[in-house]
Amino acid sequence: MSDIPAPSDIPPEIPAPASVPDLTVVIPHLNAPRVLEHCLRALSAQRDDGVRFDVIVVDNGSEQRPEAVCAAYDFVRLSDEPTPGPGPARNHGASLAMSPLLAFIDCDCIAHPGWVKCIAQHFARHPDTDVIGGDVCIARVDPARATAIEAYESVYGYRFKLYIEKHGYSGSGNMAVRRHVFEQVGGFAGIHIAEDMDWGRRAAAQGVQLDYVPLMRIDTAAREDFCQLARKWDRHIGHDFETLSGAGQHLRWGIRALALAASPLPEILRILGSERISGARERWLAWRCLCRIRLYRCTRMLRLLAGGDGRAMSGAWRRRG
């Protein structure tokens, strides 16, 4: 059993819904009220789809709580989690839920029409399924002209099908789970851990059934620049390095780092065949960005091997800019 606390009972200061909903959507929030409003608006449009659901927004230490944004929707509750990190925020939201199903989405994501209904229907039709994850698409600032980061992330940013079917976990930004299973597995870890991967591994160890549901689709913006993309990888690299033990694993780590430097070449075929980008320009931009980020990852991995601090690297993404 995990040493991460399972969700607790509903605290008295949070009013429960008048009736038990079928599903609760949990949204962690930090200093992003404008994008949160877009997220809530997309969910509000699904209120007449035949699924009773509520939303719990968990503020994770914003300079200003998104009270006005949440108050505009009568199905939304706002709560607070002072422990830094989206994992603790999701855990807190799950602890407030009364519904048998939990769905997790990030505040900067937009659920496609039918997202809530798709989740409820899949669980109803597949009683042996415990956890599901869906597709994530990149929303472009200019639909007619992708940036290099948008082109790259359209192909490589959110490969949930690969994560679920090959690696056994779903990204927590588009994931749903039966509440009793979430309580059984335990909550997400904190900011020094890749919490979705960690949770998925603990769930898999308990025999939890995970499905990929392509119609469970959301849109999210690409990262604004290379620095943001680098921070994402710093978090994953730092977490993975902290799990190593022994000279053999450190040797394999070094070999993996060096292999990354050569890895963009065979990826040309994947980029040429991708249906998520189009035209020679977008494919060139995607491959160029891939080369840059994989060389960056190689360098960061080798620096850790030479005496870096993986825990500090994995936690720094929240503190910068």
Protein backbone atom coordinates (compact mmCIF):
# COMPACT_ATOMS: atom_id res chain seq x y z
CA MET A 1 0.00 0.00 0.00
CA SER A 2 1.29 3.45 -0.86
CA ASP A 3 2.42 5.75 1.93
CA ILE A 4 0.65 8.64 0.16
CA PRO A 5 -2.55 9.43 2.07
CA ALA A 6 -5.79 8.37 0.46
CA PRO A 7 -8.55 10.94 0.00
CA SER A 8 -10.28 11.90 3.25
CA ASP A 9 -13.88 12.69 4.17
CA ILE A 10 -15.61 15.85 2.99
CA PRO A 11 -14.71 18.74 5.30
CA PRO A 12 -17.69 20.63 6.73
CA GLU A 13 -16.70 24.00 5.27
CA ILE A 14 -17.34 22.80 1.70
CA PRO A 15 -21.06 22.48 0.97
CA ALA A 16 -21.93 19.19 -0.68
CA PRO A 17 -24.17 19.14 -3.76
CA ALA A 18 -27.89 18.69 -3.15
CA SER A 19 -27.77 15.25 -4.74
CA VAL A 20 -24.91 12.86 -5.42
CA PRO A 21 -23.59 13.48 -8.97
CA ASP A 22 -22.55 10.73 -11.34
CA LEU A 23 -19.11 12.25 -11.85
CA THR A 24 -16.88 14.94 -10.37
CA VAL A 25 -14.35 16.87 -12.45
CA VAL A 26 -11.31 17.97 -10.43
CA ILE A 27 -9.28 20.92 -11.74
CA PRO A 28 -6.04 22.13 -10.08
CA HIS A 29 -5.45 25.86 -10.53
CA LEU A 30 -2.51 28.21 -10.09
CA ASN A 31 -2.52 31.83 -11.24
CA ALA A 32 -4.47 31.20 -14.45
CA PRO A 33 -8.02 32.57 -14.03
CA ARG A 34 -8.48 33.43 -17.70
CA VAL A 35 -7.74 29.94 -19.00
CA LEU A 36 -9.72 28.44 -16.12
CA GLU A 37 -12.76 30.39 -17.30
CA HIS A 38 -12.41 28.86 -20.77
CA CYS A 39 -12.11 25.40 -19.23
CA LEU A 40 -15.25 25.88 -17.13
CA ARG A 41 -17.20 27.33 -20.05
CA ALA A 42 -16.50 24.20 -22.12
CA LEU A 43 -17.69 22.00 -19.25
CA SER A 44 -20.78 24.15 -18.72
CA ALA A 45 -21.80 23.48 -22.32
CA GLN A 46 -22.01 19.76 -21.44
CA ARG A 47 -24.48 20.16 -18.58
CA ASP A 48 -27.39 19.04 -20.77
CA ASP A 49 -25.70 15.86 -22.04
CA GLY A 50 -27.51 13.61 -19.58
CA VAL A 51 -24.70 13.12 -17.03
CA ARG A 52 -25.03 14.69 -13.58
CA PHE A 53 -21.64 16.14 -12.77
CA ASP A 54 -20.08 18.80 -10.61
CA VAL A 55 -16.68 20.48 -10.71
CA ILE A 56 -14.20 21.09 -7.91
CA VAL A 57 -11.52 23.70 -8.60
CA VAL A 58 -8.61 23.45 -6.17
CA ASP A 59 -6.50 26.56 -5.93
CA ASN A 60 -2.86 25.74 -5.24
CA GLY A 61 -1.59 29.04 -3.85
CA SER A 62 -2.53 31.66 -6.44
CA GLU A 63 -1.80 35.30 -5.79
CA GLN A 64 -5.55 35.80 -6.13
CA ARG A 65 -8.09 32.99 -5.76
CA PRO A 66 -10.36 32.59 -8.83
CA GLU A 67 -13.49 33.28 -6.82
CA ALA A 68 -15.29 35.37 -9.43
CA VAL A 69 -14.59 32.84 -12.19
CA CYS A 70 -15.91 29.92 -10.16
CA ALA A 71 -18.88 31.81 -8.74
CA ALA A 72 -20.23 32.31 -12.26
CA TYR A 73 -21.07 28.58 -12.43
CA ASP A 74 -23.45 27.06 -9.90
CA PHE A 75 -22.03 23.55 -10.39
CA VAL A 76 -18.48 24.61 -9.44
CA ARG A 77 -16.99 24.50 -5.94
CA LEU A 78 -13.74 26.25 -5.10
CA SER A 79 -11.38 24.91 -2.46
CA ASP A 80 -7.71 25.33 -1.52
CA GLU A 81 -4.67 23.10 -1.18
CA PRO A 82 -1.58 24.82 0.29
CA THR A 83 0.82 21.95 -0.44
CA PRO A 84 2.55 22.87 -3.73
CA GLY A 85 1.96 20.76 -6.79
CA PRO A 86 -0.91 19.60 -8.99
CA GLY A 87 -0.80 16.15 -7.38
CA PRO A 88 -1.74 17.36 -3.88
CA ALA A 89 -4.34 19.68 -5.43
CA ARG A 90 -5.95 16.77 -7.28
CA ASN A 91 -5.89 14.66 -4.12
CA HIS A 92 -7.68 17.38 -2.19
CA GLY A 93 -10.33 17.74 -4.87
CA ALA A 94 -10.86 13.98 -4.95
CA SER A 95 -11.30 13.98 -1.17
CA LEU A 96 -14.23 16.38 -1.54
CA ALA A 97 -16.01 14.39 -4.21
CA MET A 98 -19.12 12.32 -3.49
CA SER A 99 -19.55 10.80 -6.95
CA PRO A 100 -18.52 7.25 -7.93
CA LEU A 101 -16.43 8.60 -10.83
CA LEU A 102 -13.59 11.14 -10.79
CA ALA A 103 -12.27 12.96 -13.84
CA PHE A 104 -9.11 15.06 -13.91
CA ILE A 105 -8.41 17.88 -16.35
CA ASP A 106 -5.93 20.75 -16.15
CA CYS A 107 -7.19 24.33 -15.99
CA ASP A 108 -5.47 25.24 -19.27
CA CYS A 109 -7.27 22.49 -21.18
CA ILE A 110 -10.57 22.58 -23.07
CA ALA A 111 -12.77 19.50 -23.05
CA HIS A 112 -14.23 18.64 -26.45
CA PRO A 113 -18.04 18.44 -26.67
CA GLY A 114 -19.22 15.14 -25.19
CA TRP A 115 -16.13 14.65 -23.00
CA VAL A 116 -18.08 14.08 -19.79
CA LYS A 117 -20.63 11.84 -21.50
CA CYS A 118 -17.86 9.80 -23.15
CA ILE A 119 -16.29 9.14 -19.75
CA ALA A 120 -19.55 8.08 -18.11
CA GLN A 121 -20.56 5.88 -21.02
CA HIS A 122 -17.21 4.08 -21.22
CA PHE A 123 -17.31 3.13 -17.55
CA ALA A 124 -20.95 2.02 -17.88
CA ARG A 125 -20.18 -0.16 -20.91
CA HIS A 126 -16.93 -1.58 -19.49
CA PRO A 127 -17.56 -2.56 -15.86
CA ASP A 128 -14.10 -4.16 -15.57
CA THR A 129 -12.32 -0.93 -16.52
CA ASP A 130 -10.95 1.07 -13.59
CA VAL A 131 -9.09 3.97 -15.22
CA ILE A 132 -9.30 5.65 -18.61
CA GLY A 133 -7.26 8.27 -20.43
CA GLY A 134 -8.00 10.10 -23.66
CA ASP A 135 -6.51 12.05 -26.52
CA VAL A 136 -4.82 15.45 -26.22
CA CYS A 137 -4.66 17.81 -29.20
CA ILE A 138 -2.61 20.99 -29.55
CA ALA A 139 -4.67 24.15 -29.98
CA ARG A 140 -2.76 26.57 -32.18
CA VAL A 141 -2.69 30.31 -31.69
CA ASP A 142 -2.93 30.69 -35.49
CA PRO A 143 -4.61 27.59 -36.94
CA ALA A 144 -3.15 28.34 -40.36
CA ARG A 145 0.48 28.66 -39.25
CA ALA A 146 1.99 26.48 -36.53
CA THR A 147 4.99 27.56 -34.49
CA ALA A 148 7.92 25.19 -34.07
CA ILE A 149 6.80 24.28 -30.53
CA GLU A 150 3.21 23.68 -31.71
CA ALA A 151 4.39 21.45 -34.55
CA TYR A 152 6.69 19.48 -32.25
CA GLU A 153 4.15 19.05 -29.48
CA SER A 154 1.43 18.03 -31.94
CA VAL A 155 3.52 14.93 -32.62
CA TYR A 156 5.41 14.37 -29.37
CA GLY A 157 3.84 16.44 -26.61
CA TYR A 158 0.97 14.32 -25.31
CA ARG A 159 1.15 10.76 -26.62
CA PHE A 160 -1.47 9.35 -24.28
CA LYS A 161 -2.13 6.30 -26.45
CA LEU A 162 1.55 5.34 -26.13
CA TYR A 163 1.62 6.10 -22.40
CA ILE A 164 -1.44 3.96 -21.74
CA GLU A 165 -0.93 1.02 -24.06
CA LYS A 166 2.86 0.65 -23.74
CA HIS A 167 3.87 2.24 -20.45
CA GLY A 168 0.75 1.56 -18.36
CA TYR A 169 -0.18 5.04 -17.18
CA SER A 170 -2.32 7.97 -18.27
CA GLY A 171 -1.37 11.61 -18.07
CA SER A 172 -3.37 13.14 -15.24
CA GLY A 173 -4.46 16.11 -17.36
CA ASN A 174 -7.02 13.92 -19.15
CA MET A 175 -7.80 10.97 -16.94
CA ALA A 176 -10.82 9.44 -15.20
CA VAL A 177 -11.03 6.78 -12.51
CA ARG A 178 -13.56 5.02 -10.33
CA ARG A 179 -13.40 6.75 -6.97
CA HIS A 180 -13.01 3.56 -4.94
CA VAL A 181 -10.05 2.59 -7.13
CA PHE A 182 -8.42 5.98 -6.57
CA GLU A 183 -8.82 5.49 -2.82
CA GLN A 184 -7.43 1.97 -3.09
CA VAL A 185 -4.32 3.04 -5.04
CA GLY A 186 -3.79 6.20 -2.99
CA GLY A 187 -3.32 9.80 -4.08
CA PHE A 188 -0.89 11.44 -6.46
CA ALA A 189 2.60 12.28 -5.27
CA GLY A 190 4.03 15.79 -4.86
CA ILE A 191 6.03 18.08 -7.12
CA HIS A 192 9.29 16.13 -6.94
CA ILE A 193 7.67 13.13 -8.63
CA ALA A 194 6.19 12.64 -12.11
CA GLU A 195 2.90 12.05 -10.32
CA ASP A 196 0.90 10.58 -13.19
CA MET A 197 3.57 8.02 -14.05
CA ASP A 198 4.08 7.15 -10.39
CA TRP A 199 0.34 6.74 -9.81
CA GLY A 200 -0.01 4.58 -12.92
CA ARG A 201 2.78 2.27 -11.81
CA ARG A 202 1.22 1.84 -8.38
CA ALA A 203 -2.15 1.18 -9.99
CA ALA A 204 -0.68 -1.37 -12.41
CA ALA A 205 0.99 -3.19 -9.49
CA GLN A 206 -2.49 -3.65 -8.03
CA GLY A 207 -3.92 -5.05 -11.26
CA VAL A 208 -5.94 -1.97 -12.19
CA GLN A 209 -7.45 -2.10 -15.70
CA LEU A 210 -6.55 0.94 -17.83
CA ASP A 211 -8.13 1.80 -21.22
CA TYR A 212 -7.29 4.35 -23.88
CA VAL A 213 -10.43 6.16 -25.09
CA PRO A 214 -9.67 8.28 -28.20
CA LEU A 215 -13.05 10.08 -28.14
CA MET A 216 -12.25 11.39 -24.65
CA ARG A 217 -10.53 14.38 -26.21
CA ILE A 218 -9.22 17.69 -24.94
CA ASP A 219 -7.35 20.63 -26.43
CA THR A 220 -4.41 22.34 -24.79
CA ALA A 221 -2.08 25.10 -25.86
CA ALA A 222 1.51 24.27 -26.67
CA ARG A 223 4.18 25.62 -24.37
CA GLU A 224 4.98 29.21 -25.20
CA ASP A 225 8.71 28.80 -25.76
CA PHE A 226 11.64 26.43 -25.54
CA CYS A 227 12.31 27.35 -21.90
CA GLN A 228 8.90 26.03 -20.86
CA LEU A 229 9.48 22.85 -22.84
CA ALA A 230 12.87 22.42 -21.19
CA ARG A 231 11.32 22.79 -17.72
CA LYS A 232 8.94 19.95 -18.46
CA TRP A 233 11.85 17.67 -19.29
CA ASP A 234 13.86 18.85 -16.28
CA ARG A 235 11.06 17.58 -14.09
CA HIS A 236 10.98 14.15 -15.73
CA ILE A 237 14.78 13.82 -15.94
CA GLY A 238 15.25 14.81 -12.31
CA HIS A 239 12.58 12.38 -11.14
CA ASP A 240 13.99 9.47 -13.17
CA PHE A 241 17.54 10.14 -11.97
CA GLU A 242 16.44 10.01 -8.33
CA THR A 243 15.14 6.46 -8.83
CA LEU A 244 18.55 5.12 -9.93
CA SER A 245 20.63 2.93 -7.67
CA GLY A 246 23.94 1.23 -8.30
CA ALA A 247 26.73 1.65 -10.84
CA GLY A 248 24.95 -0.48 -13.45
CA GLN A 249 21.92 1.78 -13.59
CA HIS A 250 24.09 4.87 -13.77
CA LEU A 251 26.02 3.33 -16.69
CA ARG A 252 22.76 2.62 -18.53
CA TRP A 253 21.69 6.20 -17.80
CA GLY A 254 24.81 7.50 -19.54
CA ILE A 255 24.23 5.25 -22.55
CA ARG A 256 20.62 6.45 -22.80
CA ALA A 257 21.80 10.05 -22.68
CA LEU A 258 24.23 9.58 -25.54
CA ALA A 259 21.64 7.67 -27.58
CA LEU A 260 19.30 10.65 -27.35
CA ALA A 261 21.76 12.76 -29.32
CA ALA A 262 21.44 10.42 -32.32
CA SER A 263 17.75 9.60 -31.91
CA PRO A 264 16.20 12.38 -34.07
CA LEU A 265 17.41 10.80 -37.31
CA PRO A 266 15.09 7.73 -37.29
CA GLU A 267 12.24 9.96 -36.06
CA ILE A 268 12.05 11.54 -39.51
CA LEU A 269 9.75 8.71 -40.61
CA ARG A 270 7.39 9.30 -37.68
CA ILE A 271 7.19 13.01 -38.44
CA LEU A 272 6.62 12.41 -42.17
CA GLY A 273 3.79 9.99 -41.38
CA SER A 274 2.08 12.02 -38.66
CA GLU A 275 -1.51 13.09 -39.32
CA ARG A 276 -1.32 15.78 -36.62
CA ILE A 277 0.76 18.13 -38.75
CA SER A 278 0.73 18.87 -42.47
CA GLY A 279 3.05 20.24 -45.12
CA ALA A 280 6.80 20.38 -45.45
CA ARG A 281 7.14 23.50 -43.28
CA GLU A 282 5.41 22.01 -40.23
CA ARG A 283 7.32 18.75 -40.53
CA TRP A 284 10.64 20.61 -40.76
CA LEU A 285 9.75 22.71 -37.70
CA ALA A 286 8.75 19.62 -35.72
CA TRP A 287 12.00 17.80 -36.55
CA ARG A 288 14.16 20.85 -35.83
CA CYS A 289 12.56 21.29 -32.41
CA LEU A 290 12.92 17.56 -31.75
CA CYS A 291 16.65 17.78 -32.42
CA ARG A 292 17.02 20.72 -30.06
CA ILE A 293 15.09 19.19 -27.16
CA ARG A 294 16.79 15.81 -27.40
CA LEU A 295 20.22 17.39 -27.37
CA TYR A 296 19.10 19.40 -24.35
CA ARG A 297 17.91 16.23 -22.59
CA CYS A 298 21.22 14.50 -23.36
CA THR A 299 23.17 17.38 -21.85
CA ARG A 300 21.02 17.55 -18.70
CA MET A 301 21.24 13.80 -18.14
CA LEU A 302 25.02 13.82 -18.43
CA ARG A 303 25.29 16.76 -16.04
CA LEU A 304 23.30 14.85 -13.43
CA LEU A 305 25.59 11.89 -13.90
CA ALA A 306 28.54 14.18 -13.24
CA GLY A 307 27.17 15.21 -9.87
CA GLY A 308 23.88 17.08 -10.27
CA ASP A 309 20.89 17.17 -7.94
CA GLY A 310 17.92 15.36 -9.49
CA ARG A 311 15.50 16.35 -6.75
CA ALA A 312 16.29 20.05 -7.16
CA MET A 313 15.92 19.76 -10.94
CA SER A 314 12.53 18.03 -10.74
CA GLY A 315 11.13 20.63 -8.34
CA ALA A 316 12.48 23.78 -10.00
CA TRP A 317 9.78 23.90 -12.72
CA ARG A 318 7.28 25.45 -10.31
CA ARG A 319 9.58 28.09 -8.89
CA ARG A 320 10.80 29.63 -12.15
CA GLY A 321 9.04 32.33 -14.15
